[in-house]
Amino acid sequence: MTFTETEHRYLAEQALGRLATIGTTGTPQNNPLTYRVNTDTGTIDIGGPHLSESQKYRNVQANPQVSLVVDDITAEPVGPGGQRGRGIEIRGVAEILHGVPPLMEGFSDELLRIHPRRIVAWNLDGPGPNARDVRTGTANTRT
């Protein structure tokens, strides 16, 4: 399983994430967007209206390495020193899919599908960071 139960529940509760991609000149780009978690494959789908015309799409064509961050602020402290921030970063490789059902009404029939390689979660299962490589399941606190 790619995501822990807590991570999956958190991702399902949130509506907004930010996708970071790298352009052909090495310049980073960060876009707010919606997403869908595929529980059967442990992947994440990202769509949009006219997705194939977007800069993030062109960036993924040139360099499929991406990072998706989903985070929020809680009403009560959840971390050390009274921290109220929590979230998850999913680093991985994006695949471009064409001719698929739109993610939601008004979206085109293309998707970016993220195959997670590293997950860094903070203040979800308790205080502090929790990082692991998805392929090996190796856990550590290095982010």
N, C-alpha and C. Protein backbone atom coordinates (compact mmCIF):
# COMPACT_ATOMS: atom_id res chain seq x y z
N MET A 1 0.85 -1.18 0.00
CA MET A 1 0.00 0.00 0.00
C MET A 1 0.89 1.25 0.00
N THR A 2 0.57 2.19 -0.87
CA THR A 2 1.37 3.40 -1.02
C THR A 2 1.20 4.34 0.16
N PHE A 3 -0.05 4.61 0.54
CA PHE A 3 -0.35 5.55 1.61
C PHE A 3 -0.83 4.81 2.85
N THR A 4 -0.47 5.34 4.03
CA THR A 4 -1.02 4.78 5.26
C THR A 4 -2.51 5.13 5.31
N GLU A 5 -3.23 4.49 6.20
CA GLU A 5 -4.66 4.82 6.36
C GLU A 5 -4.85 6.29 6.72
N THR A 6 -4.00 6.80 7.60
CA THR A 6 -4.10 8.20 8.01
C THR A 6 -3.82 9.13 6.84
N GLU A 7 -2.78 8.83 6.06
CA GLU A 7 -2.46 9.67 4.89
C GLU A 7 -3.58 9.64 3.87
N HIS A 8 -4.11 8.45 3.60
CA HIS A 8 -5.20 8.33 2.63
C HIS A 8 -6.42 9.12 3.10
N ARG A 9 -6.78 8.98 4.36
CA ARG A 9 -7.93 9.71 4.91
C ARG A 9 -7.71 11.22 4.79
N TYR A 10 -6.49 11.67 5.11
CA TYR A 10 -6.18 13.09 5.03
C TYR A 10 -6.30 13.58 3.58
N LEU A 11 -5.72 12.86 2.63
CA LEU A 11 -5.80 13.26 1.22
C LEU A 11 -7.25 13.29 0.74
N ALA A 12 -8.08 12.35 1.19
CA ALA A 12 -9.48 12.31 0.78
C ALA A 12 -10.27 13.49 1.36
N GLU A 13 -9.86 13.99 2.52
CA GLU A 13 -10.57 15.11 3.17
C GLU A 13 -10.23 16.47 2.56
N GLN A 14 -9.08 16.57 1.93
CA GLN A 14 -8.63 17.86 1.40
C GLN A 14 -9.11 18.04 -0.04
N ALA A 15 -9.25 19.28 -0.45
CA ALA A 15 -9.74 19.56 -1.80
C ALA A 15 -8.70 20.22 -2.70
N LEU A 16 -7.61 20.69 -2.12
CA LEU A 16 -6.66 21.49 -2.88
C LEU A 16 -5.22 21.07 -2.59
N GLY A 17 -4.43 20.97 -3.63
CA GLY A 17 -3.01 20.70 -3.50
C GLY A 17 -2.24 21.64 -4.41
N ARG A 18 -0.92 21.55 -4.35
CA ARG A 18 -0.06 22.36 -5.22
C ARG A 18 0.96 21.44 -5.88
N LEU A 19 0.99 21.49 -7.21
CA LEU A 19 1.89 20.64 -7.98
C LEU A 19 3.09 21.46 -8.43
N ALA A 20 4.28 20.98 -8.10
CA ALA A 20 5.51 21.61 -8.55
C ALA A 20 6.08 20.79 -9.70
N THR A 21 6.41 21.50 -10.78
CA THR A 21 7.05 20.90 -11.95
C THR A 21 8.28 21.73 -12.29
N ILE A 22 9.11 21.20 -13.19
CA ILE A 22 10.33 21.90 -13.62
C ILE A 22 10.24 22.13 -15.12
N GLY A 23 10.42 23.39 -15.53
CA GLY A 23 10.38 23.74 -16.95
C GLY A 23 11.67 23.36 -17.67
N THR A 24 11.69 23.54 -18.97
CA THR A 24 12.83 23.15 -19.79
C THR A 24 14.09 23.95 -19.46
N THR A 25 13.93 25.13 -18.88
CA THR A 25 15.10 25.93 -18.50
C THR A 25 15.51 25.69 -17.05
N GLY A 26 14.84 24.76 -16.38
CA GLY A 26 15.16 24.47 -14.99
C GLY A 26 14.39 25.32 -14.00
N THR A 27 13.49 26.15 -14.50
CA THR A 27 12.71 27.02 -13.64
C THR A 27 11.53 26.25 -13.04
N PRO A 28 11.37 26.31 -11.72
CA PRO A 28 10.24 25.63 -11.10
C PRO A 28 8.92 26.37 -11.34
N GLN A 29 7.85 25.62 -11.37
CA GLN A 29 6.51 26.18 -11.47
C GLN A 29 5.64 25.45 -10.45
N ASN A 30 4.79 26.19 -9.77
CA ASN A 30 3.93 25.62 -8.75
C ASN A 30 2.49 26.04 -9.05
N ASN A 31 1.57 25.05 -9.13
CA ASN A 31 0.18 25.34 -9.47
C ASN A 31 -0.79 24.77 -8.45
N PRO A 32 -1.75 25.57 -7.97
CA PRO A 32 -2.82 25.01 -7.15
C PRO A 32 -3.77 24.21 -8.04
N LEU A 33 -4.27 23.09 -7.52
CA LEU A 33 -5.15 22.25 -8.31
C LEU A 33 -5.90 21.25 -7.44
N THR A 34 -6.83 20.56 -8.07
CA THR A 34 -7.54 19.48 -7.40
C THR A 34 -6.96 18.16 -7.89
N TYR A 35 -7.22 17.09 -7.18
CA TYR A 35 -6.61 15.80 -7.48
C TYR A 35 -7.54 14.68 -7.05
N ARG A 36 -7.20 13.47 -7.47
CA ARG A 36 -7.93 12.27 -7.05
C ARG A 36 -6.91 11.21 -6.68
N VAL A 37 -7.13 10.56 -5.54
CA VAL A 37 -6.27 9.45 -5.12
C VAL A 37 -6.90 8.16 -5.63
N ASN A 38 -6.10 7.36 -6.31
CA ASN A 38 -6.55 6.05 -6.80
C ASN A 38 -6.13 5.00 -5.79
N THR A 39 -7.07 4.57 -4.98
CA THR A 39 -6.74 3.63 -3.90
C THR A 39 -6.26 2.29 -4.42
N ASP A 40 -6.72 1.88 -5.59
CA ASP A 40 -6.33 0.58 -6.12
C ASP A 40 -4.88 0.53 -6.59
N THR A 41 -4.35 1.65 -7.07
CA THR A 41 -2.99 1.68 -7.60
C THR A 41 -2.03 2.50 -6.76
N GLY A 42 -2.53 3.29 -5.82
CA GLY A 42 -1.68 4.15 -5.02
C GLY A 42 -1.12 5.33 -5.81
N THR A 43 -1.79 5.69 -6.89
CA THR A 43 -1.38 6.82 -7.71
C THR A 43 -2.31 8.00 -7.47
N ILE A 44 -1.93 9.16 -8.00
CA ILE A 44 -2.75 10.36 -7.87
C ILE A 44 -2.96 10.94 -9.26
N ASP A 45 -4.21 11.27 -9.59
CA ASP A 45 -4.55 11.86 -10.89
C ASP A 45 -4.80 13.34 -10.75
N ILE A 46 -4.31 14.08 -11.75
CA ILE A 46 -4.51 15.53 -11.82
C ILE A 46 -5.04 15.84 -13.21
N GLY A 47 -6.11 16.62 -13.26
CA GLY A 47 -6.69 17.00 -14.54
C GLY A 47 -6.87 18.50 -14.59
N GLY A 48 -7.63 18.94 -15.56
CA GLY A 48 -7.92 20.35 -15.68
C GLY A 48 -8.58 20.64 -17.02
N PRO A 49 -9.19 21.82 -17.14
CA PRO A 49 -9.71 22.20 -18.44
C PRO A 49 -8.54 22.45 -19.39
N HIS A 50 -8.56 21.87 -20.55
CA HIS A 50 -7.51 22.09 -21.55
C HIS A 50 -6.13 21.76 -20.99
N LEU A 51 -6.02 20.65 -20.27
CA LEU A 51 -4.77 20.30 -19.59
C LEU A 51 -3.58 20.29 -20.54
N SER A 52 -3.76 19.75 -21.75
CA SER A 52 -2.62 19.63 -22.67
C SER A 52 -2.11 20.98 -23.17
N GLU A 53 -2.83 22.05 -22.90
CA GLU A 53 -2.40 23.39 -23.29
C GLU A 53 -1.69 24.12 -22.13
N SER A 54 -1.58 23.48 -20.99
CA SER A 54 -1.03 24.14 -19.80
C SER A 54 0.49 24.02 -19.72
N GLN A 55 1.09 24.94 -18.98
CA GLN A 55 2.53 24.90 -18.76
C GLN A 55 2.93 23.68 -17.96
N LYS A 56 2.13 23.28 -16.98
CA LYS A 56 2.48 22.11 -16.17
C LYS A 56 2.54 20.85 -17.04
N TYR A 57 1.66 20.75 -18.02
CA TYR A 57 1.65 19.62 -18.95
C TYR A 57 2.94 19.62 -19.76
N ARG A 58 3.32 20.78 -20.32
CA ARG A 58 4.55 20.88 -21.10
C ARG A 58 5.77 20.60 -20.22
N ASN A 59 5.73 21.05 -18.98
CA ASN A 59 6.84 20.77 -18.06
C ASN A 59 6.99 19.27 -17.82
N VAL A 60 5.88 18.58 -17.62
CA VAL A 60 5.93 17.13 -17.38
C VAL A 60 6.42 16.39 -18.62
N GLN A 61 6.05 16.89 -19.81
CA GLN A 61 6.57 16.28 -21.04
C GLN A 61 8.10 16.34 -21.06
N ALA A 62 8.66 17.46 -20.62
CA ALA A 62 10.11 17.65 -20.64
C ALA A 62 10.81 16.97 -19.47
N ASN A 63 10.16 16.94 -18.30
CA ASN A 63 10.76 16.37 -17.10
C ASN A 63 9.64 15.84 -16.22
N PRO A 64 9.46 14.54 -16.13
CA PRO A 64 8.33 13.97 -15.40
C PRO A 64 8.46 13.98 -13.87
N GLN A 65 9.58 14.49 -13.33
CA GLN A 65 9.76 14.55 -11.88
C GLN A 65 8.87 15.66 -11.31
N VAL A 66 7.99 15.32 -10.36
CA VAL A 66 7.05 16.29 -9.79
C VAL A 66 6.98 16.13 -8.28
N SER A 67 6.35 17.12 -7.66
CA SER A 67 6.09 17.08 -6.22
C SER A 67 4.72 17.69 -5.98
N LEU A 68 3.87 16.98 -5.26
CA LEU A 68 2.54 17.47 -4.90
C LEU A 68 2.50 17.68 -3.40
N VAL A 69 2.10 18.88 -2.97
CA VAL A 69 1.95 19.18 -1.55
C VAL A 69 0.48 19.44 -1.25
N VAL A 70 -0.01 18.79 -0.22
CA VAL A 70 -1.36 19.01 0.31
C VAL A 70 -1.17 19.30 1.78
N ASP A 71 -1.64 20.47 2.24
CA ASP A 71 -1.45 20.83 3.65
C ASP A 71 -2.58 21.72 4.12
N ASP A 72 -2.63 21.90 5.42
CA ASP A 72 -3.63 22.79 6.00
C ASP A 72 -3.18 23.22 7.40
N ILE A 73 -3.99 24.07 8.01
CA ILE A 73 -3.78 24.55 9.37
C ILE A 73 -4.93 24.04 10.22
N THR A 74 -4.62 23.46 11.37
CA THR A 74 -5.65 22.93 12.25
C THR A 74 -6.06 23.96 13.30
N ALA A 75 -7.21 23.77 13.87
CA ALA A 75 -7.69 24.67 14.93
C ALA A 75 -6.91 24.46 16.22
N GLU A 76 -6.52 23.22 16.48
CA GLU A 76 -5.80 22.86 17.70
C GLU A 76 -4.36 22.46 17.34
N PRO A 77 -3.42 22.64 18.26
CA PRO A 77 -2.04 22.23 18.00
C PRO A 77 -1.94 20.73 17.70
N VAL A 78 -1.09 20.39 16.72
CA VAL A 78 -0.89 18.99 16.36
C VAL A 78 0.59 18.61 16.34
N GLY A 79 1.47 19.58 16.50
CA GLY A 79 2.90 19.31 16.42
C GLY A 79 3.67 19.91 17.57
N PRO A 80 4.98 19.69 17.56
CA PRO A 80 5.83 20.20 18.62
C PRO A 80 5.75 21.72 18.73
N GLY A 81 5.79 22.22 19.95
CA GLY A 81 5.79 23.66 20.17
C GLY A 81 4.49 24.34 19.79
N GLY A 82 3.41 23.57 19.74
CA GLY A 82 2.11 24.15 19.40
C GLY A 82 1.87 24.33 17.91
N GLN A 83 2.67 23.68 17.06
CA GLN A 83 2.46 23.78 15.61
C GLN A 83 1.05 23.35 15.24
N ARG A 84 0.47 24.09 14.31
CA ARG A 84 -0.88 23.75 13.83
C ARG A 84 -0.88 23.31 12.38
N GLY A 85 0.28 23.36 11.72
CA GLY A 85 0.37 22.95 10.33
C GLY A 85 0.55 21.44 10.22
N ARG A 86 -0.07 20.87 9.20
CA ARG A 86 0.09 19.45 8.92
C ARG A 86 -0.04 19.26 7.41
N GLY A 87 0.47 18.15 6.92
CA GLY A 87 0.35 17.93 5.49
C GLY A 87 1.15 16.75 5.01
N ILE A 88 1.21 16.66 3.68
CA ILE A 88 1.92 15.57 3.03
C ILE A 88 2.51 16.08 1.72
N GLU A 89 3.74 15.68 1.47
CA GLU A 89 4.38 15.94 0.17
C GLU A 89 4.58 14.60 -0.50
N ILE A 90 4.19 14.52 -1.77
CA ILE A 90 4.34 13.31 -2.55
C ILE A 90 5.27 13.62 -3.71
N ARG A 91 6.47 13.06 -3.67
CA ARG A 91 7.42 13.23 -4.76
C ARG A 91 7.33 12.00 -5.65
N GLY A 92 7.34 12.24 -6.95
CA GLY A 92 7.23 11.09 -7.84
C GLY A 92 7.44 11.43 -9.29
N VAL A 93 6.99 10.50 -10.13
CA VAL A 93 7.10 10.62 -11.57
C VAL A 93 5.69 10.72 -12.14
N ALA A 94 5.48 11.71 -13.01
CA ALA A 94 4.17 11.92 -13.62
C ALA A 94 4.12 11.28 -15.00
N GLU A 95 3.03 10.59 -15.24
CA GLU A 95 2.75 9.96 -16.53
C GLU A 95 1.61 10.74 -17.18
N ILE A 96 1.69 10.97 -18.48
CA ILE A 96 0.62 11.66 -19.21
C ILE A 96 -0.29 10.63 -19.84
N LEU A 97 -1.59 10.75 -19.55
CA LEU A 97 -2.59 9.84 -20.12
C LEU A 97 -3.56 10.64 -20.99
N HIS A 98 -3.93 10.07 -22.14
CA HIS A 98 -4.88 10.71 -23.06
C HIS A 98 -6.10 9.82 -23.23
N GLY A 99 -7.24 10.43 -23.58
CA GLY A 99 -8.45 9.68 -23.87
C GLY A 99 -9.04 8.98 -22.67
N VAL A 100 -8.88 9.57 -21.50
CA VAL A 100 -9.43 8.99 -20.27
C VAL A 100 -10.65 9.80 -19.83
N PRO A 101 -11.52 9.22 -19.03
CA PRO A 101 -12.66 9.99 -18.53
C PRO A 101 -12.17 11.22 -17.76
N PRO A 102 -12.78 12.37 -17.98
CA PRO A 102 -12.37 13.58 -17.26
C PRO A 102 -12.46 13.40 -15.76
N LEU A 103 -11.55 14.03 -15.06
CA LEU A 103 -11.51 13.97 -13.60
C LEU A 103 -12.78 14.56 -12.99
N MET A 104 -13.30 15.61 -13.62
CA MET A 104 -14.55 16.21 -13.19
C MET A 104 -15.15 16.98 -14.37
N GLU A 105 -16.39 17.40 -14.22
CA GLU A 105 -17.08 18.12 -15.30
C GLU A 105 -16.29 19.37 -15.69
N GLY A 106 -16.16 19.57 -17.00
CA GLY A 106 -15.44 20.73 -17.51
C GLY A 106 -13.96 20.49 -17.73
N PHE A 107 -13.45 19.32 -17.31
CA PHE A 107 -12.05 18.99 -17.51
C PHE A 107 -11.88 18.25 -18.83
N SER A 108 -10.69 18.31 -19.41
CA SER A 108 -10.39 17.61 -20.65
C SER A 108 -10.13 16.12 -20.38
N ASP A 109 -9.95 15.36 -21.46
CA ASP A 109 -9.76 13.91 -21.34
C ASP A 109 -8.29 13.51 -21.22
N GLU A 110 -7.47 14.40 -20.66
CA GLU A 110 -6.07 14.08 -20.35
C GLU A 110 -5.89 14.13 -18.83
N LEU A 111 -4.92 13.35 -18.38
CA LEU A 111 -4.57 13.34 -16.95
C LEU A 111 -3.06 13.31 -16.80
N LEU A 112 -2.61 13.85 -15.69
CA LEU A 112 -1.26 13.61 -15.21
C LEU A 112 -1.42 12.62 -14.05
N ARG A 113 -0.79 11.47 -14.16
CA ARG A 113 -0.88 10.46 -13.10
C ARG A 113 0.46 10.40 -12.38
N ILE A 114 0.44 10.69 -11.09
CA ILE A 114 1.66 10.68 -10.29
C ILE A 114 1.86 9.29 -9.69
N HIS A 115 3.05 8.75 -9.92
CA HIS A 115 3.47 7.48 -9.31
C HIS A 115 4.42 7.86 -8.18
N PRO A 116 3.95 7.81 -6.93
CA PRO A 116 4.78 8.24 -5.79
C PRO A 116 6.07 7.43 -5.65
N ARG A 117 7.14 8.14 -5.31
CA ARG A 117 8.44 7.51 -5.03
C ARG A 117 8.91 7.82 -3.60
N ARG A 118 8.49 8.97 -3.09
CA ARG A 118 8.85 9.36 -1.71
C ARG A 118 7.68 10.12 -1.12
N ILE A 119 7.36 9.82 0.13
CA ILE A 119 6.26 10.49 0.83
C ILE A 119 6.82 11.09 2.11
N VAL A 120 6.52 12.37 2.31
CA VAL A 120 6.92 13.07 3.52
C VAL A 120 5.64 13.64 4.13
N ALA A 121 5.25 13.12 5.28
CA ALA A 121 4.05 13.59 5.98
C ALA A 121 4.49 14.23 7.29
N TRP A 122 3.78 15.26 7.72
CA TRP A 122 4.12 15.90 8.99
C TRP A 122 2.85 16.18 9.79
N ASN A 123 2.94 15.83 11.06
CA ASN A 123 1.88 16.08 12.04
C ASN A 123 0.55 15.42 11.65
N LEU A 124 0.63 14.28 10.96
CA LEU A 124 -0.60 13.53 10.65
C LEU A 124 -0.80 12.37 11.61
N ASP A 125 0.23 11.57 11.82
CA ASP A 125 0.16 10.42 12.72
C ASP A 125 0.71 10.72 14.10
N GLY A 126 0.95 11.98 14.36
CA GLY A 126 1.57 12.41 15.59
C GLY A 126 2.54 13.53 15.27
N PRO A 127 3.19 14.07 16.26
CA PRO A 127 4.09 15.20 16.05
C PRO A 127 5.27 14.87 15.15
N GLY A 128 5.64 15.84 14.34
CA GLY A 128 6.86 15.75 13.56
C GLY A 128 6.72 15.08 12.21
N PRO A 129 7.85 15.01 11.48
CA PRO A 129 7.84 14.44 10.13
C PRO A 129 7.92 12.93 10.13
N ASN A 130 7.42 12.34 9.06
CA ASN A 130 7.51 10.92 8.80
C ASN A 130 7.78 10.79 7.31
N ALA A 131 8.97 10.33 6.94
CA ALA A 131 9.35 10.23 5.54
C ALA A 131 9.71 8.80 5.18
N ARG A 132 9.37 8.41 3.96
CA ARG A 132 9.73 7.06 3.51
C ARG A 132 9.78 7.01 1.99
N ASP A 133 10.61 6.09 1.50
CA ASP A 133 10.64 5.80 0.08
C ASP A 133 9.55 4.78 -0.20
N VAL A 134 8.77 5.01 -1.24
CA VAL A 134 7.63 4.13 -1.52
C VAL A 134 8.09 2.78 -2.04
N ARG A 135 9.09 2.73 -2.88
CA ARG A 135 9.55 1.47 -3.47
C ARG A 135 10.03 0.50 -2.41
N THR A 136 10.77 1.00 -1.44
CA THR A 136 11.36 0.12 -0.44
C THR A 136 10.58 0.10 0.87
N GLY A 137 9.77 1.15 1.09
CA GLY A 137 9.08 1.24 2.36
C GLY A 137 9.99 1.70 3.48
N THR A 138 11.24 2.04 3.14
CA THR A 138 12.21 2.46 4.14
C THR A 138 11.78 3.77 4.78
N ALA A 139 11.68 3.76 6.08
CA ALA A 139 11.27 4.97 6.80
C ALA A 139 12.49 5.65 7.41
N ASN A 140 12.43 6.97 7.45
CA ASN A 140 13.43 7.76 8.15
C ASN A 140 12.86 9.15 8.37
N THR A 141 13.58 9.97 9.10
CA THR A 141 13.09 11.32 9.37
C THR A 141 13.75 12.35 8.47
N ARG A 142 14.63 11.90 7.58
CA ARG A 142 15.25 12.82 6.61
C ARG A 142 14.17 13.21 5.61
N THR A 143 14.06 14.50 5.33
CA THR A 143 13.05 14.92 4.36
C THR A 143 13.74 15.33 3.11
